[in-house]
Amino acid sequence: MTHLDSTQAVPQPTLRAPEPGECEVLLIRHGRSADVVPGSAESADPPLHVLGVEQADRLARRLAPKSIHAVYSSHLARAQQTAAPLAAHRGLDVQVFPDLEEVRLGDWGNGEFRRRAAMADPDWVAWSRTGRWDGIPGGEGDDAFRRRVAAVVDDLAARHGGETIAVVAHGGSIGAYVAHVLGIHRSLWLTVENTSITQLRIGANGTTVVAANDCHHLYDPVLGPA
């Protein structure tokens, strides 16, 4: 420890460096998924839209210089397809965890959630104002959703002390996990752009949020899309 007396000027402290043993977790949302007809076969697990493929490529090129020790994904096609370029660049396999998937929407699954949102259905609008995943008929519910995602992310972080991992998941999953970490009541509190990066450090002394919704490989989120 350096001793400073009361007559010496002291610089402003900077953001702390990572502590030994912390895991750096890059929570990444998948690229834009394909348009679907609600209730159709492909609505349960749409692949990436052509724009989503481009977004995933731009994400991989941006992160090319960064050391990433493992790449994880939900089992859904849009997440695995987003993770694939990150893993391939490093000679890694994408390791799949189904519990990283998006919230389980019950009666609003298979594209019904999209349909209600697009038409500003009054039930959807009333639900959206709650900021939580409760109240969807047959749905998983907010607390169960948070527990499910947190169990996976926390376990992966514990496995990778002192390393960096990419976890490709979903907008709801990312918002719910960070709300869980920070003790925020609302799970729908954070804008999560396609292929955006939410960067955390997770260790014995807790979790630090370094960045949220960083999508500079697509556009500057402060200025907005061109």
Protein backbone atom coordinates (compact mmCIF):
# COMPACT_ATOMS: atom_id res chain seq x y z
CA MET A 1 0.00 0.00 0.00
CA THR A 2 1.28 3.46 -0.94
CA HIS A 3 1.13 6.03 1.87
CA LEU A 4 -0.19 9.47 0.91
CA ASP A 5 -0.27 12.35 3.37
CA SER A 6 -2.92 15.06 3.43
CA THR A 7 -0.80 17.52 1.44
CA GLN A 8 -0.46 15.39 -1.68
CA ALA A 9 -2.77 15.67 -4.67
CA VAL A 10 -4.54 12.39 -5.41
CA PRO A 11 -5.80 11.40 -8.87
CA GLN A 12 -9.38 10.35 -9.49
CA PRO A 13 -9.66 6.55 -9.22
CA THR A 14 -10.43 4.71 -12.44
CA LEU A 15 -12.67 1.71 -12.97
CA ARG A 16 -11.07 -1.20 -11.21
CA ALA A 17 -9.20 -3.84 -13.14
CA PRO A 18 -10.54 -7.41 -13.15
CA GLU A 19 -9.76 -9.26 -9.93
CA PRO A 20 -7.90 -12.58 -9.98
CA GLY A 21 -10.28 -15.46 -10.57
CA GLU A 22 -13.13 -13.38 -11.98
CA CYS A 23 -14.88 -14.66 -15.08
CA GLU A 24 -15.63 -12.15 -17.81
CA VAL A 25 -18.99 -13.05 -19.30
CA LEU A 26 -20.13 -11.63 -22.64
CA LEU A 27 -23.91 -12.05 -22.75
CA ILE A 28 -24.81 -11.76 -26.43
CA ARG A 29 -28.26 -11.63 -27.95
CA HIS A 30 -28.78 -13.60 -31.16
CA GLY A 31 -29.07 -11.83 -34.51
CA ARG A 32 -32.40 -10.86 -36.00
CA SER A 33 -34.53 -13.94 -36.47
CA ALA A 34 -36.54 -14.75 -39.59
CA ASP A 35 -40.07 -13.48 -40.04
CA VAL A 36 -42.60 -16.19 -39.20
CA VAL A 37 -46.27 -16.94 -39.67
CA PRO A 38 -47.66 -17.44 -36.14
CA GLY A 39 -48.58 -21.06 -35.50
CA SER A 40 -46.55 -22.39 -38.43
CA ALA A 41 -43.97 -25.15 -38.01
CA GLU A 42 -41.03 -22.74 -38.23
CA SER A 43 -42.50 -20.31 -35.68
CA ALA A 44 -41.31 -22.44 -32.76
CA ASP A 45 -37.63 -22.11 -33.72
CA PRO A 46 -36.96 -19.62 -36.52
CA PRO A 47 -33.46 -19.38 -37.97
CA LEU A 48 -31.62 -16.12 -38.51
CA HIS A 49 -32.99 -13.62 -41.00
CA VAL A 50 -30.54 -12.67 -43.75
CA LEU A 51 -29.93 -9.46 -41.77
CA GLY A 52 -29.28 -11.57 -38.68
CA VAL A 53 -26.60 -13.51 -40.54
CA GLU A 54 -24.92 -10.20 -41.42
CA GLN A 55 -25.20 -9.02 -37.80
CA ALA A 56 -23.58 -12.23 -36.54
CA ASP A 57 -20.73 -11.77 -39.00
CA ARG A 58 -20.18 -8.17 -37.90
CA LEU A 59 -20.18 -9.29 -34.26
CA ALA A 60 -17.57 -11.98 -34.98
CA ARG A 61 -15.34 -9.53 -36.85
CA ARG A 62 -15.56 -7.02 -34.02
CA LEU A 63 -14.63 -9.61 -31.39
CA ALA A 64 -11.91 -11.25 -33.51
CA PRO A 65 -9.03 -9.68 -31.49
CA LYS A 66 -10.52 -10.67 -28.13
CA SER A 67 -9.48 -13.78 -26.24
CA ILE A 68 -12.54 -15.97 -25.65
CA HIS A 69 -12.01 -19.33 -23.98
CA ALA A 70 -15.43 -20.93 -24.54
CA VAL A 71 -18.63 -20.24 -26.47
CA TYR A 72 -22.05 -21.27 -25.15
CA SER A 73 -25.52 -20.98 -26.65
CA SER A 74 -29.14 -21.89 -26.12
CA HIS A 75 -30.40 -24.76 -28.26
CA LEU A 76 -32.49 -22.51 -30.49
CA ALA A 77 -31.35 -22.07 -34.08
CA ARG A 78 -30.98 -18.29 -34.01
CA ALA A 79 -28.66 -18.44 -31.00
CA GLN A 80 -26.56 -21.33 -32.31
CA GLN A 81 -26.19 -19.65 -35.71
CA THR A 82 -25.03 -16.43 -34.01
CA ALA A 83 -22.55 -18.30 -31.84
CA ALA A 84 -21.08 -20.37 -34.69
CA PRO A 85 -18.83 -17.66 -36.22
CA LEU A 86 -17.44 -16.74 -32.78
CA ALA A 87 -16.53 -20.36 -32.10
CA ALA A 88 -15.23 -21.18 -35.59
CA HIS A 89 -12.78 -18.26 -35.54
CA ARG A 90 -11.17 -19.80 -32.43
CA GLY A 91 -11.42 -23.48 -33.28
CA LEU A 92 -14.00 -24.00 -30.53
CA ASP A 93 -17.26 -25.94 -30.42
CA VAL A 94 -20.49 -24.21 -29.48
CA GLN A 95 -21.64 -25.85 -26.25
CA VAL A 96 -25.44 -25.89 -25.96
CA PHE A 97 -27.55 -25.35 -22.84
CA PRO A 98 -31.33 -25.45 -23.44
CA ASP A 99 -31.99 -23.51 -20.21
CA LEU A 100 -30.47 -20.40 -21.81
CA GLU A 101 -33.50 -20.19 -24.09
CA GLU A 102 -35.96 -17.32 -24.15
CA VAL A 103 -38.82 -17.17 -21.65
CA ARG A 104 -41.32 -19.99 -22.16
CA LEU A 105 -44.42 -18.18 -23.32
CA GLY A 106 -47.18 -20.76 -22.89
CA ASP A 107 -50.28 -19.72 -24.83
CA TRP A 108 -48.34 -16.85 -26.42
CA GLY A 109 -45.64 -19.11 -27.87
CA ASN A 110 -45.03 -20.13 -31.51
CA GLY A 111 -45.30 -16.59 -32.84
CA GLU A 112 -48.44 -15.56 -30.93
CA PHE A 113 -46.41 -13.11 -28.81
CA ARG A 114 -45.14 -11.46 -32.01
CA ARG A 115 -48.65 -11.28 -33.47
CA ARG A 116 -50.07 -9.62 -30.38
CA ALA A 117 -47.19 -7.15 -30.21
CA ALA A 118 -47.51 -6.23 -33.92
CA MET A 119 -51.23 -5.50 -33.62
CA ALA A 120 -50.92 -3.74 -30.22
CA ASP A 121 -53.36 -6.22 -28.73
CA PRO A 122 -54.83 -4.65 -25.56
CA ASP A 123 -53.93 -7.67 -23.43
CA TRP A 124 -50.35 -7.52 -24.72
CA VAL A 125 -50.12 -3.77 -24.09
CA ALA A 126 -51.43 -4.15 -20.54
CA TRP A 127 -48.98 -6.99 -19.90
CA SER A 128 -46.00 -5.06 -21.34
CA ARG A 129 -46.56 -2.22 -18.89
CA THR A 130 -45.89 -4.54 -15.94
CA GLY A 131 -42.27 -4.99 -16.98
CA ARG A 132 -42.27 -8.64 -15.87
CA TRP A 133 -42.87 -12.03 -17.46
CA ASP A 134 -45.77 -12.84 -15.15
CA GLY A 135 -49.39 -12.96 -16.28
CA ILE A 136 -48.95 -14.64 -19.67
CA PRO A 137 -51.47 -17.53 -19.85
CA GLY A 138 -49.59 -20.80 -19.34
CA GLY A 139 -46.28 -18.93 -19.28
CA GLU A 140 -43.21 -19.72 -17.21
CA GLY A 141 -43.37 -16.64 -14.99
CA ASP A 142 -40.66 -14.19 -14.06
CA ASP A 143 -39.11 -15.76 -10.97
CA ALA A 144 -38.81 -19.22 -12.53
CA PHE A 145 -37.31 -17.69 -15.68
CA ARG A 146 -34.68 -15.81 -13.68
CA ARG A 147 -33.75 -18.88 -11.65
CA ARG A 148 -33.41 -21.02 -14.77
CA VAL A 149 -31.09 -18.64 -16.62
CA ALA A 150 -29.08 -17.64 -13.54
CA ALA A 151 -28.37 -21.29 -12.68
CA VAL A 152 -26.67 -21.77 -16.05
CA VAL A 153 -24.76 -18.48 -16.23
CA ASP A 154 -23.53 -18.67 -12.64
CA ASP A 155 -22.37 -22.27 -13.11
CA LEU A 156 -20.50 -21.40 -16.31
CA ALA A 157 -18.83 -18.42 -14.64
CA ALA A 158 -17.69 -20.65 -11.78
CA ARG A 159 -16.14 -23.07 -14.27
CA HIS A 160 -14.17 -20.33 -16.02
CA GLY A 161 -12.48 -18.32 -13.29
CA GLY A 162 -9.86 -16.01 -14.79
CA GLU A 163 -11.21 -16.55 -18.32
CA THR A 164 -13.61 -14.94 -20.79
CA ILE A 165 -16.68 -16.72 -22.14
CA ALA A 166 -19.33 -15.80 -24.71
CA VAL A 167 -22.89 -16.81 -23.84
CA VAL A 168 -25.28 -16.36 -26.76
CA ALA A 169 -28.84 -16.19 -25.54
CA HIS A 170 -31.96 -14.04 -25.95
CA GLY A 171 -33.12 -10.54 -25.11
CA GLY A 172 -35.42 -11.69 -22.34
CA SER A 173 -32.78 -14.02 -20.90
CA ILE A 174 -30.18 -11.26 -20.73
CA GLY A 175 -32.53 -8.70 -19.19
CA ALA A 176 -33.79 -11.21 -16.64
CA TYR A 177 -30.31 -12.35 -15.64
CA VAL A 178 -28.98 -8.83 -15.07
CA ALA A 179 -32.18 -7.89 -13.21
CA HIS A 180 -31.57 -10.93 -11.00
CA VAL A 181 -27.97 -9.86 -10.34
CA LEU A 182 -28.88 -6.25 -9.55
CA GLY A 183 -32.11 -6.96 -7.66
CA ILE A 184 -34.31 -5.08 -10.13
CA HIS A 185 -38.02 -5.87 -9.95
CA ARG A 186 -38.66 -5.38 -13.67
CA SER A 187 -37.12 -7.90 -16.04
CA LEU A 188 -38.01 -5.81 -19.09
CA TRP A 189 -35.82 -2.92 -17.96
CA LEU A 190 -33.07 -3.04 -20.60
CA THR A 191 -33.05 -2.52 -24.36
CA VAL A 192 -31.22 -5.53 -25.83
CA GLU A 193 -30.40 -5.07 -29.52
CA ASN A 194 -29.74 -8.04 -31.76
CA THR A 195 -26.09 -9.21 -31.34
CA SER A 196 -25.53 -6.62 -28.60
CA ILE A 197 -22.99 -7.41 -25.88
CA THR A 198 -23.67 -7.09 -22.17
CA GLN A 199 -20.34 -7.49 -20.39
CA LEU A 200 -20.10 -8.72 -16.79
CA ARG A 201 -17.35 -9.72 -14.38
CA ILE A 202 -18.43 -12.46 -12.00
CA GLY A 203 -16.33 -13.53 -9.05
CA ALA A 204 -16.17 -14.27 -5.37
CA ASN A 205 -16.92 -10.65 -4.45
CA GLY A 206 -20.01 -10.34 -6.61
CA THR A 207 -20.85 -9.19 -10.12
CA THR A 208 -19.85 -6.00 -11.91
CA VAL A 209 -21.69 -4.76 -15.00
CA VAL A 210 -19.08 -3.33 -17.37
CA ALA A 211 -21.30 -2.60 -20.39
CA ALA A 212 -24.90 -3.17 -21.45
CA ASN A 213 -26.46 -3.33 -24.92
CA ASP A 214 -23.17 -2.53 -26.65
CA CYS A 215 -24.00 -2.77 -30.35
CA HIS A 216 -21.30 -0.52 -31.82
CA HIS A 217 -20.57 -3.12 -34.52
CA LEU A 218 -24.04 -2.24 -35.86
CA TYR A 219 -24.41 1.42 -34.83
CA ASP A 220 -23.77 3.79 -31.94
CA PRO A 221 -26.66 3.11 -29.53
CA VAL A 222 -26.54 6.69 -28.21
CA LEU A 223 -26.98 8.18 -31.68
CA GLY A 224 -29.29 5.43 -32.90
CA PRO A 225 -29.38 3.61 -36.26
CA ALA A 226 -28.54 5.68 -39.32
